[in-house]
N, C-alpha and C. Protein backbone atom coordinates (compact mmCIF):
# COMPACT_ATOMS: atom_id res chain seq x y z
N MET A 1 89.91 97.81 56.45
CA MET A 1 89.94 98.20 55.06
C MET A 1 90.79 99.48 54.95
N SER A 2 91.60 99.53 53.91
CA SER A 2 92.42 100.71 53.70
C SER A 2 91.58 101.88 53.20
N ASP A 3 92.20 103.02 53.03
CA ASP A 3 91.51 104.23 52.58
C ASP A 3 90.77 103.97 51.27
N ILE A 4 89.50 104.36 51.20
CA ILE A 4 88.71 104.10 49.99
C ILE A 4 88.57 105.34 49.11
N ALA A 5 89.24 106.42 49.48
CA ALA A 5 89.19 107.64 48.65
C ALA A 5 89.96 107.40 47.35
N PRO A 6 89.41 107.83 46.22
CA PRO A 6 90.12 107.66 44.95
C PRO A 6 91.42 108.45 44.94
N ARG A 7 92.41 107.91 44.25
CA ARG A 7 93.70 108.60 44.10
C ARG A 7 94.14 108.55 42.65
N VAL A 8 94.76 109.63 42.20
CA VAL A 8 95.37 109.69 40.87
C VAL A 8 96.79 110.18 41.06
N ALA A 9 97.75 109.48 40.47
CA ALA A 9 99.15 109.88 40.56
C ALA A 9 99.75 109.84 39.16
N ILE A 10 100.52 110.87 38.84
CA ILE A 10 101.25 110.90 37.57
C ILE A 10 102.72 110.87 37.91
N ARG A 11 103.39 109.87 37.37
CA ARG A 11 104.81 109.67 37.67
C ARG A 11 105.60 109.52 36.38
N THR A 12 106.90 109.63 36.51
CA THR A 12 107.79 109.38 35.38
C THR A 12 108.55 108.09 35.68
N THR A 13 108.63 107.20 34.69
CA THR A 13 109.34 105.94 34.88
C THR A 13 110.85 106.18 34.82
N ASP A 14 111.62 105.15 35.11
CA ASP A 14 113.07 105.27 35.09
C ASP A 14 113.61 105.54 33.69
N ILE A 15 112.80 105.31 32.65
CA ILE A 15 113.26 105.60 31.29
C ILE A 15 112.54 106.82 30.69
N GLY A 16 111.90 107.60 31.55
CA GLY A 16 111.32 108.87 31.12
C GLY A 16 109.91 108.82 30.57
N HIS A 17 109.24 107.70 30.62
CA HIS A 17 107.86 107.62 30.17
C HIS A 17 106.92 108.09 31.28
N GLN A 18 105.79 108.63 30.90
CA GLN A 18 104.81 109.04 31.90
C GLN A 18 103.95 107.84 32.29
N ARG A 19 103.65 107.78 33.57
CA ARG A 19 102.83 106.69 34.10
C ARG A 19 101.72 107.31 34.92
N ILE A 20 100.49 106.95 34.61
CA ILE A 20 99.33 107.45 35.34
C ILE A 20 98.75 106.30 36.14
N GLU A 21 98.62 106.49 37.44
CA GLU A 21 98.05 105.47 38.31
C GLU A 21 96.73 105.98 38.88
N VAL A 22 95.69 105.19 38.74
CA VAL A 22 94.39 105.52 39.30
C VAL A 22 94.01 104.39 40.26
N THR A 23 93.72 104.77 41.49
CA THR A 23 93.32 103.79 42.49
C THR A 23 91.94 104.17 43.00
N LEU A 24 91.01 103.23 42.94
CA LEU A 24 89.69 103.49 43.48
C LEU A 24 89.07 102.20 43.96
N PHE A 25 88.18 102.35 44.91
CA PHE A 25 87.47 101.21 45.47
C PHE A 25 86.27 100.90 44.59
N CYS A 26 86.13 99.65 44.19
CA CYS A 26 84.99 99.24 43.38
C CYS A 26 84.75 97.74 43.57
N PRO A 27 83.56 97.29 43.24
CA PRO A 27 83.29 95.85 43.31
C PRO A 27 84.23 95.08 42.37
N THR A 28 84.74 93.96 42.84
CA THR A 28 85.70 93.17 42.08
C THR A 28 85.19 92.84 40.68
N ARG A 29 83.92 92.52 40.56
CA ARG A 29 83.36 92.14 39.25
C ARG A 29 83.39 93.28 38.25
N GLN A 30 83.42 94.51 38.73
CA GLN A 30 83.41 95.67 37.83
C GLN A 30 84.80 96.24 37.57
N ALA A 31 85.82 95.74 38.24
CA ALA A 31 87.16 96.32 38.16
C ALA A 31 87.71 96.34 36.72
N SER A 32 87.64 95.23 36.03
CA SER A 32 88.18 95.17 34.67
C SER A 32 87.43 96.10 33.73
N GLU A 33 86.11 96.11 33.81
CA GLU A 33 85.29 96.98 32.98
C GLU A 33 85.60 98.46 33.25
N MET A 34 85.75 98.79 34.53
CA MET A 34 86.07 100.18 34.88
C MET A 34 87.46 100.57 34.40
N GLU A 35 88.42 99.67 34.53
CA GLU A 35 89.78 99.93 34.06
C GLU A 35 89.78 100.21 32.56
N GLN A 36 89.08 99.40 31.80
CA GLN A 36 89.00 99.60 30.35
C GLN A 36 88.34 100.93 30.01
N ALA A 37 87.28 101.29 30.72
CA ALA A 37 86.59 102.55 30.46
C ALA A 37 87.49 103.75 30.77
N ILE A 38 88.21 103.70 31.88
CA ILE A 38 89.13 104.78 32.24
C ILE A 38 90.22 104.91 31.19
N ASN A 39 90.81 103.79 30.80
CA ASN A 39 91.85 103.82 29.76
C ASN A 39 91.31 104.41 28.46
N ARG A 40 90.14 104.00 28.07
CA ARG A 40 89.53 104.49 26.82
C ARG A 40 89.33 106.01 26.87
N ILE A 41 88.83 106.51 27.99
CA ILE A 41 88.57 107.95 28.13
C ILE A 41 89.88 108.74 28.17
N VAL A 42 90.82 108.31 29.02
CA VAL A 42 92.08 109.05 29.16
C VAL A 42 92.88 109.02 27.86
N LEU A 43 93.03 107.85 27.28
CA LEU A 43 93.80 107.77 26.05
C LEU A 43 93.09 108.45 24.88
N GLY A 44 91.78 108.41 24.86
CA GLY A 44 91.02 109.12 23.82
C GLY A 44 91.27 110.62 23.89
N GLN A 45 91.25 111.16 25.12
CA GLN A 45 91.53 112.59 25.30
C GLN A 45 92.97 112.92 24.89
N TYR A 46 93.91 112.06 25.29
CA TYR A 46 95.31 112.28 24.95
C TYR A 46 95.50 112.35 23.43
N TRP A 47 94.98 111.34 22.72
CA TRP A 47 95.18 111.29 21.27
C TRP A 47 94.44 112.42 20.56
N GLN A 48 93.29 112.82 21.08
CA GLN A 48 92.59 113.96 20.50
C GLN A 48 93.43 115.22 20.63
N ARG A 49 93.98 115.45 21.80
CA ARG A 49 94.85 116.63 22.00
C ARG A 49 96.12 116.53 21.16
N ARG A 50 96.64 115.34 21.00
CA ARG A 50 97.85 115.17 20.18
C ARG A 50 97.55 115.51 18.73
N ARG A 51 96.40 115.06 18.23
CA ARG A 51 96.02 115.40 16.85
C ARG A 51 95.86 116.91 16.68
N GLU A 52 95.22 117.55 17.66
CA GLU A 52 95.04 119.00 17.61
C GLU A 52 96.38 119.73 17.66
N ALA A 53 97.29 119.26 18.52
CA ALA A 53 98.62 119.87 18.62
C ALA A 53 99.39 119.71 17.32
N THR A 54 99.30 118.53 16.72
CA THR A 54 99.98 118.28 15.45
C THR A 54 99.43 119.20 14.36
N ALA A 55 98.13 119.39 14.35
CA ALA A 55 97.50 120.28 13.36
C ALA A 55 97.99 121.72 13.52
N ARG A 56 98.35 122.11 14.76
CA ARG A 56 98.87 123.45 15.02
C ARG A 56 100.39 123.51 14.84
N GLY A 57 101.00 122.37 14.50
CA GLY A 57 102.45 122.35 14.31
C GLY A 57 103.24 122.22 15.60
N ARG A 58 102.61 121.68 16.64
CA ARG A 58 103.28 121.52 17.94
C ARG A 58 103.50 120.04 18.23
N ASN A 59 104.52 119.77 19.03
CA ASN A 59 104.78 118.38 19.45
C ASN A 59 104.20 118.05 20.82
N ASP A 60 103.81 119.06 21.58
CA ASP A 60 103.36 118.86 22.95
C ASP A 60 101.83 118.91 23.02
N PRO A 61 101.17 117.75 23.17
CA PRO A 61 99.71 117.72 23.16
C PRO A 61 99.07 118.29 24.42
N ILE A 62 99.82 118.44 25.48
CA ILE A 62 99.25 118.87 26.75
C ILE A 62 99.34 120.39 26.90
N ARG A 63 100.40 120.96 26.46
CA ARG A 63 100.64 122.39 26.64
C ARG A 63 99.63 123.22 25.86
N ALA A 64 99.01 124.14 26.54
CA ALA A 64 98.04 125.02 25.88
C ALA A 64 98.74 126.29 25.41
N ASP A 65 98.26 126.86 24.33
CA ASP A 65 98.80 128.12 23.81
C ASP A 65 97.92 129.26 24.18
């Protein structure tokens, strides 16, 4: 069995988009459910920060002031 430690990688695609890769060991039956939950949490946080940044007049949702 390969390494079972979780990994997170943030990369940039060839067209400049950000790509987040999460690798973790889990039971096959739970993989889809876990993927959806991770996406929901990560994207929820992203859009929340984007709304807050927009309210402050900024375009960058990640950068803190």
